[in-house]
Structures are given as C-alpha cells and as structure tokens.
Amino acid sequence: MKIEKFKDRLIAFDFESEMVNATDMLRAFPNKRMNDFLNLRVTKEYKEYLESKTGIPVLIVKYGGSEHGTWMQRRLAYDLAAWLSVEFKDFIYRIFDKAVQERLENQQRQLDYFWDKSDQKDLYK
C-alpha cells in the first residue's frame, strides 16, 4: 500500500493488485458523487466488460480497518479520474506509470544480480 498526495488530499494505492481507493479519489472533488459516475452507461458497460475479461471484480467495497472505502481496479480508475478532471487523470496515470517503471527497474536489478552470480560460477569451472 502506498499513499500519494494530490493537492491537499491523500490517496491510497495498492500497486500489487493494481487498485486505488476511489473513495479517496472522490474526496479531492467534493462536488462529485461516486453513484453519478457508476450510473453512467459507459461506466456500467466498461465495468461489466473488464469483469468478464479478467474474471475478478473491478470494484470492491472494504468496511472498517485502515483500507476502508471503495477500491477500484486501475483501468476503471483511469475513467473515474478522467471524469473528475484532466489534471487528476494525468496525476493517476503518472502514479501508475511510476509504479510500473519501479517494478521493471526492480526486476532488472534482480536479473542483473542473478546474471552476475551465474558469471561468477562459470569462472570456477
């Protein structure tokens, strides 16, 4: 779980599951309501499409605890962010892009480490 700040609002992300706390997202826009977004025809269609393709829910409501709120899968969250504002859309894209970049860099470091170990073993043959 990672917390990012948009203006004066904190937004929780779970990069492993590619989810973002949509409740946090909406707190940055007090004049917008989750139900208004979820009731849009295009949102309903996209939500159903994503769930049929992935086989997992793209919207999860968590009660209590430190992770309470409505959590939304990354691809649906992009649409919510765009609906909220273009600036916020860019923010959400940049946060997920940064997470992907960090994951790739970490994987590359791990590969480099194992390659280095493999090279050292060959020296002793």
C-alpha atoms as a PDB file:
ATOM      1  CA  MET A   1       0.000   0.000   0.000  1.00  0.00           C
ATOM      2  CA  LYS A   2       1.290   3.431  -0.888  1.00  0.00           C
ATOM      3  CA  ILE A   3      -0.147   6.859  -0.205  1.00  0.00           C
ATOM      4  CA  GLU A   4       0.210   9.643  -2.775  1.00  0.00           C
ATOM      5  CA  LYS A   5      -0.836  13.258  -2.400  1.00  0.00           C
ATOM      6  CA  PHE A   6      -2.958  15.187  -4.894  1.00  0.00           C
ATOM      7  CA  LYS A   7      -3.126  18.811  -3.837  1.00  0.00           C
ATOM      8  CA  ASP A   8      -4.153  18.505  -0.165  1.00  0.00           C
ATOM      9  CA  ARG A   9      -5.741  15.030  -0.417  1.00  0.00           C
ATOM     10  CA  LEU A  10      -4.141  11.659   0.334  1.00  0.00           C
ATOM     11  CA  ILE A  11      -4.969   8.783  -1.997  1.00  0.00           C
ATOM     12  CA  ALA A  12      -4.199   5.126  -1.231  1.00  0.00           C
ATOM     13  CA  PHE A  13      -2.854   2.806  -3.923  1.00  0.00           C
ATOM     14  CA  ASP A  14      -2.277  -0.939  -3.881  1.00  0.00           C
ATOM     15  CA  PHE A  15       0.119  -1.498  -6.757  1.00  0.00           C
ATOM     16  CA  GLU A  16       0.283  -5.284  -6.351  1.00  0.00           C
ATOM     17  CA  SER A  17      -3.411  -5.639  -7.118  1.00  0.00           C
ATOM     18  CA  GLU A  18      -3.476  -2.511  -9.319  1.00  0.00           C
ATOM     19  CA  MET A  19      -6.207  -0.952  -7.199  1.00  0.00           C
ATOM     20  CA  VAL A  20      -6.760   2.591  -5.979  1.00  0.00           C
ATOM     21  CA  ASN A  21      -9.064   3.854  -3.260  1.00  0.00           C
ATOM     22  CA  ALA A  22     -11.818   5.554  -5.261  1.00  0.00           C
ATOM     23  CA  THR A  23     -13.299   6.997  -2.072  1.00  0.00           C
ATOM     24  CA  ASP A  24     -10.024   8.874  -1.573  1.00  0.00           C
ATOM     25  CA  MET A  25     -10.105   9.994  -5.203  1.00  0.00           C
ATOM     26  CA  LEU A  26     -13.556  11.484  -4.810  1.00  0.00           C
ATOM     27  CA  ARG A  27     -12.637  13.323  -1.609  1.00  0.00           C
ATOM     28  CA  ALA A  28     -10.495  15.600  -3.767  1.00  0.00           C
ATOM     29  CA  PHE A  29     -13.675  16.609  -5.641  1.00  0.00           C
ATOM     30  CA  PRO A  30     -16.435  17.319  -3.098  1.00  0.00           C
ATOM     31  CA  ASN A  31     -18.990  18.245  -5.792  1.00  0.00           C
ATOM     32  CA  LYS A  32     -18.734  14.841  -7.494  1.00  0.00           C
ATOM     33  CA  ARG A  33     -20.520  11.656  -6.386  1.00  0.00           C
ATOM     34  CA  MET A  34     -19.474   8.042  -6.942  1.00  0.00           C
ATOM     35  CA  ASN A  35     -23.005   6.970  -7.902  1.00  0.00           C
ATOM     36  CA  ASP A  36     -23.128   9.577 -10.673  1.00  0.00           C
ATOM     37  CA  PHE A  37     -20.025   8.013 -12.237  1.00  0.00           C
ATOM     38  CA  LEU A  38     -21.102   4.413 -11.634  1.00  0.00           C
ATOM     39  CA  ASN A  39     -24.551   5.040 -13.140  1.00  0.00           C
ATOM     40  CA  LEU A  40     -23.164   6.286 -16.451  1.00  0.00           C
ATOM     41  CA  ARG A  41     -23.995   3.832 -19.239  1.00  0.00           C
ATOM     42  CA  VAL A  42     -20.391   3.788 -20.459  1.00  0.00           C
ATOM     43  CA  THR A  43     -19.115   3.080 -16.929  1.00  0.00           C
ATOM     44  CA  LYS A  44     -21.542   0.196 -16.452  1.00  0.00           C
ATOM     45  CA  GLU A  45     -20.564  -1.290 -19.817  1.00  0.00           C
ATOM     46  CA  TYR A  46     -16.833  -0.935 -19.166  1.00  0.00           C
ATOM     47  CA  LYS A  47     -17.127  -2.384 -15.654  1.00  0.00           C
ATOM     48  CA  GLU A  48     -19.023  -5.413 -16.990  1.00  0.00           C
ATOM     49  CA  TYR A  49     -16.532  -5.812 -19.844  1.00  0.00           C
ATOM     50  CA  LEU A  50     -13.489  -5.698 -17.507  1.00  0.00           C
ATOM     51  CA  GLU A  51     -15.032  -8.168 -15.077  1.00  0.00           C
ATOM     52  CA  SER A  52     -15.924 -10.573 -17.886  1.00  0.00           C
ATOM     53  CA  LYS A  53     -12.391 -10.409 -19.311  1.00  0.00           C
ATOM     54  CA  THR A  54     -10.499 -10.655 -16.010  1.00  0.00           C
ATOM     55  CA  GLY A  55     -12.890 -12.832 -14.035  1.00  0.00           C
ATOM     56  CA  ILE A  56     -12.381 -10.652 -10.964  1.00  0.00           C
ATOM     57  CA  PRO A  57     -14.363  -7.732  -9.550  1.00  0.00           C
ATOM     58  CA  VAL A  58     -13.036  -4.333 -10.538  1.00  0.00           C
ATOM     59  CA  LEU A  59     -14.880  -2.580  -7.724  1.00  0.00           C
ATOM     60  CA  ILE A  60     -14.508  -3.714  -4.114  1.00  0.00           C
ATOM     61  CA  VAL A  61     -16.007  -2.122  -1.020  1.00  0.00           C
ATOM     62  CA  LYS A  62     -13.986  -2.623   2.169  1.00  0.00           C
ATOM     63  CA  TYR A  63     -15.570  -1.889   5.529  1.00  0.00           C
ATOM     64  CA  GLY A  64     -13.560  -0.882   8.591  1.00  0.00           C
ATOM     65  CA  GLY A  65      -9.843  -1.097   9.102  1.00  0.00           C
ATOM     66  CA  SER A  66      -7.169   1.068   7.573  1.00  0.00           C
ATOM     67  CA  GLU A  67      -8.136   0.189   3.978  1.00  0.00           C
ATOM     68  CA  HIS A  68     -11.851   1.044   4.171  1.00  0.00           C
ATOM     69  CA  GLY A  69     -13.579   2.572   1.196  1.00  0.00           C
ATOM     70  CA  THR A  70     -14.400   1.689  -2.381  1.00  0.00           C
ATOM     71  CA  TRP A  71     -11.399   0.268  -4.211  1.00  0.00           C
ATOM     72  CA  MET A  72     -11.271   0.359  -7.986  1.00  0.00           C
ATOM     73  CA  GLN A  73      -9.105  -1.515 -10.471  1.00  0.00           C
ATOM     74  CA  ARG A  74      -6.596   0.671 -12.311  1.00  0.00           C
ATOM     75  CA  ARG A  75      -8.324   0.684 -15.716  1.00  0.00           C
ATOM     76  CA  LEU A  76     -11.705   1.707 -14.321  1.00  0.00           C
ATOM     77  CA  ALA A  77      -9.951   4.239 -12.048  1.00  0.00           C
ATOM     78  CA  TYR A  78      -8.493   5.902 -15.147  1.00  0.00           C
ATOM     79  CA  ASP A  79     -12.040   6.572 -16.335  1.00  0.00           C
ATOM     80  CA  LEU A  80     -13.075   7.887 -12.936  1.00  0.00           C
ATOM     81  CA  ALA A  81     -10.036  10.174 -12.872  1.00  0.00           C
ATOM     82  CA  ALA A  82     -10.835  11.488 -16.357  1.00  0.00           C
ATOM     83  CA  TRP A  83     -14.428  12.127 -15.286  1.00  0.00           C
ATOM     84  CA  LEU A  84     -13.178  14.091 -12.261  1.00  0.00           C
ATOM     85  CA  SER A  85     -10.687  16.342 -14.100  1.00  0.00           C
ATOM     86  CA  VAL A  86      -7.980  16.263 -16.766  1.00  0.00           C
ATOM     87  CA  GLU A  87      -5.354  17.284 -14.211  1.00  0.00           C
ATOM     88  CA  PHE A  88      -6.366  14.416 -11.936  1.00  0.00           C
ATOM     89  CA  LYS A  89      -6.393  11.987 -14.879  1.00  0.00           C
ATOM     90  CA  ASP A  90      -2.774  12.916 -15.585  1.00  0.00           C
ATOM     91  CA  PHE A  91      -1.901  12.514 -11.885  1.00  0.00           C
ATOM     92  CA  ILE A  92      -3.377   8.991 -11.716  1.00  0.00           C
ATOM     93  CA  TYR A  93      -1.652   7.934 -14.947  1.00  0.00           C
ATOM     94  CA  ARG A  94       1.697   9.267 -13.712  1.00  0.00           C
ATOM     95  CA  ILE A  95       1.381   7.438 -10.371  1.00  0.00           C
ATOM     96  CA  PHE A  96       0.645   4.076 -12.013  1.00  0.00           C
ATOM     97  CA  ASP A  97       3.291   4.652 -14.707  1.00  0.00           C
ATOM     98  CA  LYS A  98       5.853   5.378 -11.994  1.00  0.00           C
ATOM     99  CA  ALA A  99       4.877   2.173 -10.156  1.00  0.00           C
ATOM    100  CA  VAL A 100       5.286   0.120 -13.331  1.00  0.00           C
ATOM    101  CA  GLN A 101       8.669   1.725 -14.006  1.00  0.00           C
ATOM    102  CA  GLU A 102       9.826   0.978 -10.453  1.00  0.00           C
ATOM    103  CA  ARG A 103       8.657  -2.633 -10.783  1.00  0.00           C
ATOM    104  CA  LEU A 104      10.554  -3.045 -14.071  1.00  0.00           C
ATOM    105  CA  GLU A 105      13.695  -1.495 -12.601  1.00  0.00           C
ATOM    106  CA  ASN A 106      13.487  -3.835  -9.610  1.00  0.00           C
ATOM    107  CA  GLN A 107      13.071  -6.853 -11.884  1.00  0.00           C
ATOM    108  CA  GLN A 108      16.056  -5.710 -13.936  1.00  0.00           C
ATOM    109  CA  ARG A 109      18.176  -5.395 -10.778  1.00  0.00           C
ATOM    110  CA  GLN A 110      17.180  -8.932  -9.795  1.00  0.00           C
ATOM    111  CA  LEU A 111      18.071 -10.262 -13.240  1.00  0.00           C
ATOM    112  CA  ASP A 112      21.409  -8.436 -13.172  1.00  0.00           C
ATOM    113  CA  TYR A 113      22.150  -9.906  -9.752  1.00  0.00           C
ATOM    114  CA  PHE A 114      21.438 -13.459 -10.923  1.00  0.00           C
ATOM    115  CA  TRP A 115      23.417 -12.955 -14.122  1.00  0.00           C
ATOM    116  CA  ASP A 116      26.356 -11.694 -12.071  1.00  0.00           C
ATOM    117  CA  LYS A 117      26.108 -14.763  -9.815  1.00  0.00           C
ATOM    118  CA  SER A 118      25.894 -17.016 -12.874  1.00  0.00           C
ATOM    119  CA  ASP A 119      29.031 -15.431 -14.377  1.00  0.00           C
ATOM    120  CA  GLN A 120      30.937 -15.951 -11.144  1.00  0.00           C
ATOM    121  CA  LYS A 121      30.022 -19.652 -11.105  1.00  0.00           C
ATOM    122  CA  ASP A 122      31.371 -20.077 -14.635  1.00  0.00           C
ATOM    123  CA  LEU A 123      34.760 -18.771 -13.501  1.00  0.00           C
ATOM    124  CA  TYR A 124      35.174 -21.740 -11.181  1.00  0.00           C
ATOM    125  CA  LYS A 125      34.521 -24.444 -13.813  1.00  0.00           C
END
